[in-house]
Amino acid sequence: MTAVAAARATVATLRQEVAALHAELTRYQLVVWTAGNVSARVPGHDLMVIKPSGVAYGDLTPESMVVCDLHGRVVEGEHAPSSDTEAQAYVYRHLPEVGGVVHTHSPYATAWAARGEPVPCVLTMGADEFGGEIPVGPFAVIGDDSIGRGIVETLRSSRSPAVLMQNHGPFTVGPTARAAVKAAVMCEDVARTVHLARQLGTPVPIPQDRIDHLHDRYQHVYGQR
């Protein structure tokens, strides 16, 4: 029995979820044309489900999602996978707590990435979701696991689920693909608001103890439990 056959029901569910989550990227205007992607780890198996390369968002279906192993090799699917597949596979191999990865070129977050500048923690939303600044990762080439190495190296020393890869754009992670999409939406919102604040003057930083308190509350108290 192949790995995909053993995980057939889970893979089918994730194909539907990952396909649907791509609509959130267009809904929040985080991507253009065919750029960007969502992927999800298949729990209990060394597999991931990811967007196909170069397919328009309006044409994405559960059946068009591609199943790969955690070295980026296609194991099921009729399309070539995203050019970010090897990078995201590297993330899944090295960060076992990650269940979803998202990449966008959302304009404000990508503008900070173009400057090679982290987004400072001057908003309670930044403290809540990111636990501090949104860090910048190193410049890396597209098409192999170089971006994945930069993501892992950067996020291992940060509480942030988002990293701005220099001259490229944001990558976000989460325990699920949906959580990673949420982080991508929040990343763009924080990047935009801090940019606007800087046009008005110098934003006021939040003290570290307040950041820690806000982050802990948001992660463990906020919302329905």
C-alpha atoms as a PDB file:
ATOM      1  CA  MET A   1       0.000   0.000   0.000  1.00  0.00           C
ATOM      2  CA  THR A   2       1.401   3.405  -0.966  1.00  0.00           C
ATOM      3  CA  ALA A   3       1.675   6.282   1.504  1.00  0.00           C
ATOM      4  CA  VAL A   4      -1.086   8.155  -0.315  1.00  0.00           C
ATOM      5  CA  ALA A   5      -3.383   5.121  -0.252  1.00  0.00           C
ATOM      6  CA  ALA A   6      -2.847   4.748   3.495  1.00  0.00           C
ATOM      7  CA  ALA A   7      -3.817   8.386   3.995  1.00  0.00           C
ATOM      8  CA  ARG A   8      -6.528   8.507   1.316  1.00  0.00           C
ATOM      9  CA  ALA A   9      -9.312  10.051   3.406  1.00  0.00           C
ATOM     10  CA  THR A  10      -7.019  12.630   5.008  1.00  0.00           C
ATOM     11  CA  VAL A  11      -5.493  13.588   1.665  1.00  0.00           C
ATOM     12  CA  ALA A  12      -8.949  14.023   0.134  1.00  0.00           C
ATOM     13  CA  THR A  13      -9.980  16.333   2.989  1.00  0.00           C
ATOM     14  CA  LEU A  14      -6.776  18.358   2.715  1.00  0.00           C
ATOM     15  CA  ARG A  15      -7.134  18.706  -1.052  1.00  0.00           C
ATOM     16  CA  GLN A  16     -10.516  20.349  -0.460  1.00  0.00           C
ATOM     17  CA  GLU A  17      -9.238  22.533   2.385  1.00  0.00           C
ATOM     18  CA  VAL A  18      -6.092  23.720   0.603  1.00  0.00           C
ATOM     19  CA  ALA A  19      -8.003  24.459  -2.610  1.00  0.00           C
ATOM     20  CA  ALA A  20     -10.586  26.487  -0.670  1.00  0.00           C
ATOM     21  CA  LEU A  21      -7.988  28.409   1.327  1.00  0.00           C
ATOM     22  CA  HIS A  22      -6.488  29.850  -1.851  1.00  0.00           C
ATOM     23  CA  ALA A  23      -9.693  31.872  -2.210  1.00  0.00           C
ATOM     24  CA  GLU A  24      -8.767  33.645   1.036  1.00  0.00           C
ATOM     25  CA  LEU A  25      -5.528  34.865  -0.557  1.00  0.00           C
ATOM     26  CA  THR A  26      -7.430  36.536  -3.389  1.00  0.00           C
ATOM     27  CA  ARG A  27     -10.191  37.722  -1.043  1.00  0.00           C
ATOM     28  CA  TYR A  28      -7.683  39.657   1.059  1.00  0.00           C
ATOM     29  CA  GLN A  29      -5.703  40.773  -2.028  1.00  0.00           C
ATOM     30  CA  LEU A  30      -2.514  39.036  -0.924  1.00  0.00           C
ATOM     31  CA  VAL A  31      -1.648  37.634  -4.372  1.00  0.00           C
ATOM     32  CA  VAL A  32      -1.884  38.476  -8.066  1.00  0.00           C
ATOM     33  CA  TRP A  33      -2.186  36.297 -11.173  1.00  0.00           C
ATOM     34  CA  THR A  34      -0.803  32.830 -10.263  1.00  0.00           C
ATOM     35  CA  ALA A  35       1.758  33.887  -7.640  1.00  0.00           C
ATOM     36  CA  GLY A  36       1.613  32.546  -4.104  1.00  0.00           C
ATOM     37  CA  ASN A  37       0.478  29.262  -2.609  1.00  0.00           C
ATOM     38  CA  VAL A  38      -0.903  27.354   0.356  1.00  0.00           C
ATOM     39  CA  SER A  39       0.307  23.949   1.468  1.00  0.00           C
ATOM     40  CA  ALA A  40      -0.626  21.531   4.254  1.00  0.00           C
ATOM     41  CA  ARG A  41       1.165  18.661   5.948  1.00  0.00           C
ATOM     42  CA  VAL A  42      -0.644  15.307   5.882  1.00  0.00           C
ATOM     43  CA  PRO A  43      -0.683  14.389   9.597  1.00  0.00           C
ATOM     44  CA  GLY A  44       1.007  11.109  10.402  1.00  0.00           C
ATOM     45  CA  HIS A  45       2.566  10.769   6.964  1.00  0.00           C
ATOM     46  CA  ASP A  46       5.620  12.252   5.248  1.00  0.00           C
ATOM     47  CA  LEU A  47       3.397  13.976   2.706  1.00  0.00           C
ATOM     48  CA  MET A  48       2.154  17.462   1.870  1.00  0.00           C
ATOM     49  CA  VAL A  49      -0.593  18.906  -0.331  1.00  0.00           C
ATOM     50  CA  ILE A  50       0.289  22.039  -2.305  1.00  0.00           C
ATOM     51  CA  LYS A  51      -0.962  24.290  -5.096  1.00  0.00           C
ATOM     52  CA  PRO A  52       0.052  23.425  -8.671  1.00  0.00           C
ATOM     53  CA  SER A  53       2.481  25.742 -10.421  1.00  0.00           C
ATOM     54  CA  GLY A  54       1.174  28.446 -12.733  1.00  0.00           C
ATOM     55  CA  VAL A  55      -2.534  27.595 -12.446  1.00  0.00           C
ATOM     56  CA  ALA A  56      -4.913  30.549 -12.107  1.00  0.00           C
ATOM     57  CA  TYR A  57      -6.700  30.877  -8.782  1.00  0.00           C
ATOM     58  CA  GLY A  58     -10.117  30.665 -10.427  1.00  0.00           C
ATOM     59  CA  ASP A  59      -9.173  27.309 -11.931  1.00  0.00           C
ATOM     60  CA  LEU A  60      -8.024  25.647  -8.707  1.00  0.00           C
ATOM     61  CA  THR A  61      -9.983  22.579  -7.615  1.00  0.00           C
ATOM     62  CA  PRO A  62      -9.363  19.885  -4.996  1.00  0.00           C
ATOM     63  CA  GLU A  63      -8.370  17.553  -7.831  1.00  0.00           C
ATOM     64  CA  SER A  64      -5.719  19.985  -9.115  1.00  0.00           C
ATOM     65  CA  MET A  65      -3.865  20.051  -5.797  1.00  0.00           C
ATOM     66  CA  VAL A  66      -0.597  18.112  -5.855  1.00  0.00           C
ATOM     67  CA  VAL A  67       0.540  15.579  -3.250  1.00  0.00           C
ATOM     68  CA  CYS A  68       4.309  15.487  -2.652  1.00  0.00           C
ATOM     69  CA  ASP A  69       6.609  13.795  -0.208  1.00  0.00           C
ATOM     70  CA  LEU A  70       8.638  15.864   2.228  1.00  0.00           C
ATOM     71  CA  HIS A  71      11.523  16.090  -0.215  1.00  0.00           C
ATOM     72  CA  GLY A  72       9.324  17.763  -2.825  1.00  0.00           C
ATOM     73  CA  ARG A  73       8.801  14.731  -5.070  1.00  0.00           C
ATOM     74  CA  VAL A  74       5.345  14.356  -6.626  1.00  0.00           C
ATOM     75  CA  VAL A  75       3.546  11.222  -5.486  1.00  0.00           C
ATOM     76  CA  GLU A  76       0.071  12.059  -6.796  1.00  0.00           C
ATOM     77  CA  GLY A  77      -1.359  14.722  -9.069  1.00  0.00           C
ATOM     78  CA  GLU A  78      -1.694  15.675 -12.720  1.00  0.00           C
ATOM     79  CA  HIS A  79       0.168  18.996 -12.450  1.00  0.00           C
ATOM     80  CA  ALA A  80       3.671  20.134 -11.602  1.00  0.00           C
ATOM     81  CA  PRO A  81       3.734  21.460  -8.018  1.00  0.00           C
ATOM     82  CA  SER A  82       4.509  25.013  -6.945  1.00  0.00           C
ATOM     83  CA  SER A  83       8.067  26.245  -7.418  1.00  0.00           C
ATOM     84  CA  ASP A  84       8.133  26.661  -3.617  1.00  0.00           C
ATOM     85  CA  THR A  85       7.563  22.943  -3.012  1.00  0.00           C
ATOM     86  CA  GLU A  86      11.141  22.023  -2.068  1.00  0.00           C
ATOM     87  CA  ALA A  87      11.400  25.028   0.234  1.00  0.00           C
ATOM     88  CA  GLN A  88       8.162  24.196   2.009  1.00  0.00           C
ATOM     89  CA  ALA A  89       9.066  20.509   2.222  1.00  0.00           C
ATOM     90  CA  TYR A  90      12.259  21.590   4.014  1.00  0.00           C
ATOM     91  CA  VAL A  91      10.145  23.546   6.509  1.00  0.00           C
ATOM     92  CA  TYR A  92       7.973  20.501   7.210  1.00  0.00           C
ATOM     93  CA  ARG A  93      11.020  18.273   7.684  1.00  0.00           C
ATOM     94  CA  HIS A  94      12.700  20.608  10.145  1.00  0.00           C
ATOM     95  CA  LEU A  95       9.767  22.181  12.013  1.00  0.00           C
ATOM     96  CA  PRO A  96       7.547  19.252  13.013  1.00  0.00           C
ATOM     97  CA  GLU A  97       5.053  21.550  14.757  1.00  0.00           C
ATOM     98  CA  VAL A  98       4.218  23.220  11.429  1.00  0.00           C
ATOM     99  CA  GLY A  99       1.118  21.891   9.690  1.00  0.00           C
ATOM    100  CA  GLY A 100       0.672  24.585   7.051  1.00  0.00           C
ATOM    101  CA  VAL A 101       2.797  27.022   5.031  1.00  0.00           C
ATOM    102  CA  VAL A 102       1.654  30.025   2.984  1.00  0.00           C
ATOM    103  CA  HIS A 103       3.556  32.262   0.599  1.00  0.00           C
ATOM    104  CA  THR A 104       2.245  35.543  -0.796  1.00  0.00           C
ATOM    105  CA  HIS A 105       3.575  38.691  -2.423  1.00  0.00           C
ATOM    106  CA  SER A 106       1.218  40.954  -0.478  1.00  0.00           C
ATOM    107  CA  PRO A 107       2.254  44.535  -1.281  1.00  0.00           C
ATOM    108  CA  TYR A 108       3.038  46.107   2.082  1.00  0.00           C
ATOM    109  CA  ALA A 109       4.760  43.089   3.617  1.00  0.00           C
ATOM    110  CA  THR A 110       6.738  42.609   0.403  1.00  0.00           C
ATOM    111  CA  ALA A 111       7.739  46.291   0.457  1.00  0.00           C
ATOM    112  CA  TRP A 112       9.283  45.750   3.902  1.00  0.00           C
ATOM    113  CA  ALA A 113      11.027  42.641   2.512  1.00  0.00           C
ATOM    114  CA  ALA A 114      12.409  44.721  -0.374  1.00  0.00           C
ATOM    115  CA  ARG A 115      13.970  47.042   2.200  1.00  0.00           C
ATOM    116  CA  GLY A 116      15.336  44.098   4.187  1.00  0.00           C
ATOM    117  CA  GLU A 117      13.710  45.633   7.245  1.00  0.00           C
ATOM    118  CA  PRO A 118      11.696  43.838   9.955  1.00  0.00           C
ATOM    119  CA  VAL A 119       8.293  45.247  10.845  1.00  0.00           C
ATOM    120  CA  PRO A 120       8.669  46.643  14.396  1.00  0.00           C
ATOM    121  CA  CYS A 121       6.245  45.710  17.149  1.00  0.00           C
ATOM    122  CA  VAL A 122       4.344  48.966  17.630  1.00  0.00           C
ATOM    123  CA  LEU A 123       0.801  47.553  17.505  1.00  0.00           C
ATOM    124  CA  THR A 124      -1.029  45.278  19.918  1.00  0.00           C
ATOM    125  CA  MET A 125      -1.974  43.144  16.897  1.00  0.00           C
ATOM    126  CA  GLY A 126       1.722  42.663  16.204  1.00  0.00           C
ATOM    127  CA  ALA A 127       2.311  41.582  19.794  1.00  0.00           C
ATOM    128  CA  ASP A 128      -0.719  39.289  19.749  1.00  0.00           C
ATOM    129  CA  GLU A 129      -0.048  37.407  16.534  1.00  0.00           C
ATOM    130  CA  PHE A 130       3.715  37.692  16.090  1.00  0.00           C
ATOM    131  CA  GLY A 131       5.061  38.059  19.632  1.00  0.00           C
ATOM    132  CA  GLY A 132       7.365  40.890  18.561  1.00  0.00           C
ATOM    133  CA  GLU A 133       8.714  42.176  15.279  1.00  0.00           C
ATOM    134  CA  ILE A 134       8.086  40.366  12.012  1.00  0.00           C
ATOM    135  CA  PRO A 135      11.639  39.260  11.147  1.00  0.00           C
ATOM    136  CA  VAL A 136      13.500  39.353   7.849  1.00  0.00           C
ATOM    137  CA  GLY A 137      15.051  36.207   6.415  1.00  0.00           C
ATOM    138  CA  PRO A 138      18.038  36.076   4.064  1.00  0.00           C
ATOM    139  CA  PHE A 139      17.912  36.464   0.309  1.00  0.00           C
ATOM    140  CA  ALA A 140      17.569  33.019  -1.274  1.00  0.00           C
ATOM    141  CA  VAL A 141      17.067  31.668  -4.771  1.00  0.00           C
ATOM    142  CA  ILE A 142      13.758  30.145  -5.879  1.00  0.00           C
ATOM    143  CA  GLY A 143      13.454  26.521  -6.985  1.00  0.00           C
ATOM    144  CA  ASP A 144      15.315  24.495  -4.358  1.00  0.00           C
ATOM    145  CA  ASP A 145      15.310  24.322  -0.551  1.00  0.00           C
ATOM    146  CA  SER A 146      17.351  27.534  -0.054  1.00  0.00           C
ATOM    147  CA  ILE A 147      14.267  29.533   0.899  1.00  0.00           C
ATOM    148  CA  GLY A 148      13.208  26.783   3.282  1.00  0.00           C
ATOM    149  CA  ARG A 149      16.566  26.921   5.037  1.00  0.00           C
ATOM    150  CA  GLY A 150      16.214  30.685   5.452  1.00  0.00           C
ATOM    151  CA  ILE A 151      12.689  30.339   6.828  1.00  0.00           C
ATOM    152  CA  VAL A 152      13.712  27.713   9.362  1.00  0.00           C
ATOM    153  CA  GLU A 153      16.849  29.550  10.481  1.00  0.00           C
ATOM    154  CA  THR A 154      14.885  32.761  11.006  1.00  0.00           C
ATOM    155  CA  LEU A 155      11.785  31.359  12.696  1.00  0.00           C
ATOM    156  CA  ARG A 156      13.752  29.158  15.101  1.00  0.00           C
ATOM    157  CA  SER A 157      14.888  32.322  16.897  1.00  0.00           C
ATOM    158  CA  SER A 158      11.497  34.074  16.788  1.00  0.00           C
ATOM    159  CA  ARG A 159       7.954  33.621  18.082  1.00  0.00           C
ATOM    160  CA  SER A 160       6.650  35.004  14.815  1.00  0.00           C
ATOM    161  CA  PRO A 161       4.711  32.727  12.454  1.00  0.00           C
ATOM    162  CA  ALA A 162       5.768  35.050   9.615  1.00  0.00           C
ATOM    163  CA  VAL A 163       9.107  35.819   8.009  1.00  0.00           C
ATOM    164  CA  LEU A 164       9.811  38.393   5.302  1.00  0.00           C
ATOM    165  CA  MET A 165      12.281  36.764   2.949  1.00  0.00           C
ATOM    166  CA  GLN A 166      14.519  39.572   1.716  1.00  0.00           C
ATOM    167  CA  ASN A 167      13.715  40.889  -1.782  1.00  0.00           C
ATOM    168  CA  HIS A 168      10.995  38.256  -2.107  1.00  0.00           C
ATOM    169  CA  GLY A 169       8.026  38.382   0.260  1.00  0.00           C
ATOM    170  CA  PRO A 170       6.309  36.854   3.283  1.00  0.00           C
ATOM    171  CA  PHE A 171       6.105  33.204   4.219  1.00  0.00           C
ATOM    172  CA  THR A 172       3.880  32.215   7.110  1.00  0.00           C
ATOM    173  CA  VAL A 173       3.487  29.002   9.061  1.00  0.00           C
ATOM    174  CA  GLY A 174       0.951  27.567  11.467  1.00  0.00           C
ATOM    175  CA  PRO A 175      -0.207  24.364  13.131  1.00  0.00           C
ATOM    176  CA  THR A 176      -2.731  24.137  10.279  1.00  0.00           C
ATOM    177  CA  ALA A 177      -2.942  25.580   6.785  1.00  0.00           C
ATOM    178  CA  ARG A 178      -5.819  27.803   7.927  1.00  0.00           C
ATOM    179  CA  ALA A 179      -3.694  29.215  10.755  1.00  0.00           C
ATOM    180  CA  ALA A 180      -0.908  29.960   8.276  1.00  0.00           C
ATOM    181  CA  VAL A 181      -3.391  31.814   6.034  1.00  0.00           C
ATOM    182  CA  LYS A 182      -4.576  33.823   9.029  1.00  0.00           C
ATOM    183  CA  ALA A 183      -0.960  34.765   9.802  1.00  0.00           C
ATOM    184  CA  ALA A 184      -0.513  35.913   6.181  1.00  0.00           C
ATOM    185  CA  VAL A 185      -3.592  38.143   6.418  1.00  0.00           C
ATOM    186  CA  MET A 186      -2.445  39.584   9.756  1.00  0.00           C
ATOM    187  CA  CYS A 187       1.100  40.086   8.459  1.00  0.00           C
ATOM    188  CA  GLU A 188      -0.110  42.253   5.592  1.00  0.00           C
ATOM    189  CA  ASP A 189      -2.437  44.242   7.850  1.00  0.00           C
ATOM    190  CA  VAL A 190       0.316  44.966  10.384  1.00  0.00           C
ATOM    191  CA  ALA A 191       2.837  45.817   7.642  1.00  0.00           C
ATOM    192  CA  ARG A 192       0.379  48.260   6.072  1.00  0.00           C
ATOM    193  CA  THR A 193      -0.603  49.977   9.334  1.00  0.00           C
ATOM    194  CA  VAL A 194       2.985  50.379  10.540  1.00  0.00           C
ATOM    195  CA  HIS A 195       3.923  51.836   7.151  1.00  0.00           C
ATOM    196  CA  LEU A 196       1.108  54.391   7.472  1.00  0.00           C
ATOM    197  CA  ALA A 197       2.181  55.219  11.021  1.00  0.00           C
ATOM    198  CA  ARG A 198       5.701  55.939   9.805  1.00  0.00           C
ATOM    199  CA  GLN A 199       4.344  58.412   7.281  1.00  0.00           C
ATOM    200  CA  LEU A 200       2.907  60.387  10.202  1.00  0.00           C
ATOM    201  CA  GLY A 201       5.992  60.241  12.403  1.00  0.00           C
ATOM    202  CA  THR A 202       7.874  57.814  14.615  1.00  0.00           C
ATOM    203  CA  PRO A 203       5.749  54.923  15.907  1.00  0.00           C
ATOM    204  CA  VAL A 204       5.894  54.286  19.658  1.00  0.00           C
ATOM    205  CA  PRO A 205       7.366  50.856  20.496  1.00  0.00           C
ATOM    206  CA  ILE A 206       5.590  48.556  22.955  1.00  0.00           C
ATOM    207  CA  PRO A 207       7.713  47.567  25.998  1.00  0.00           C
ATOM    208  CA  GLN A 208       8.890  43.958  25.909  1.00  0.00           C
ATOM    209  CA  ASP A 209       7.019  42.944  29.072  1.00  0.00           C
ATOM    210  CA  ARG A 210       3.772  44.247  27.550  1.00  0.00           C
ATOM    211  CA  ILE A 211       4.511  42.374  24.305  1.00  0.00           C
ATOM    212  CA  ASP A 212       5.012  39.174  26.293  1.00  0.00           C
ATOM    213  CA  HIS A 213       1.754  39.688  28.209  1.00  0.00           C
ATOM    214  CA  LEU A 214      -0.259  40.460  25.080  1.00  0.00           C
ATOM    215  CA  HIS A 215       1.166  37.502  23.181  1.00  0.00           C
ATOM    216  CA  ASP A 216       0.520  35.059  26.015  1.00  0.00           C
ATOM    217  CA  ARG A 217      -3.057  36.260  26.453  1.00  0.00           C
ATOM    218  CA  TYR A 218      -3.836  36.108  22.739  1.00  0.00           C
ATOM    219  CA  GLN A 219      -2.338  32.650  22.340  1.00  0.00           C
ATOM    220  CA  HIS A 220      -3.906  31.088  25.448  1.00  0.00           C
ATOM    221  CA  VAL A 221      -6.960  33.114  26.531  1.00  0.00           C
ATOM    222  CA  TYR A 222      -8.449  34.985  23.538  1.00  0.00           C
ATOM    223  CA  GLY A 223     -11.323  33.439  21.602  1.00  0.00           C
ATOM    224  CA  GLN A 224     -13.405  30.312  22.173  1.00  0.00           C
ATOM    225  CA  ARG A 225     -11.807  27.407  23.977  1.00  0.00           C
END
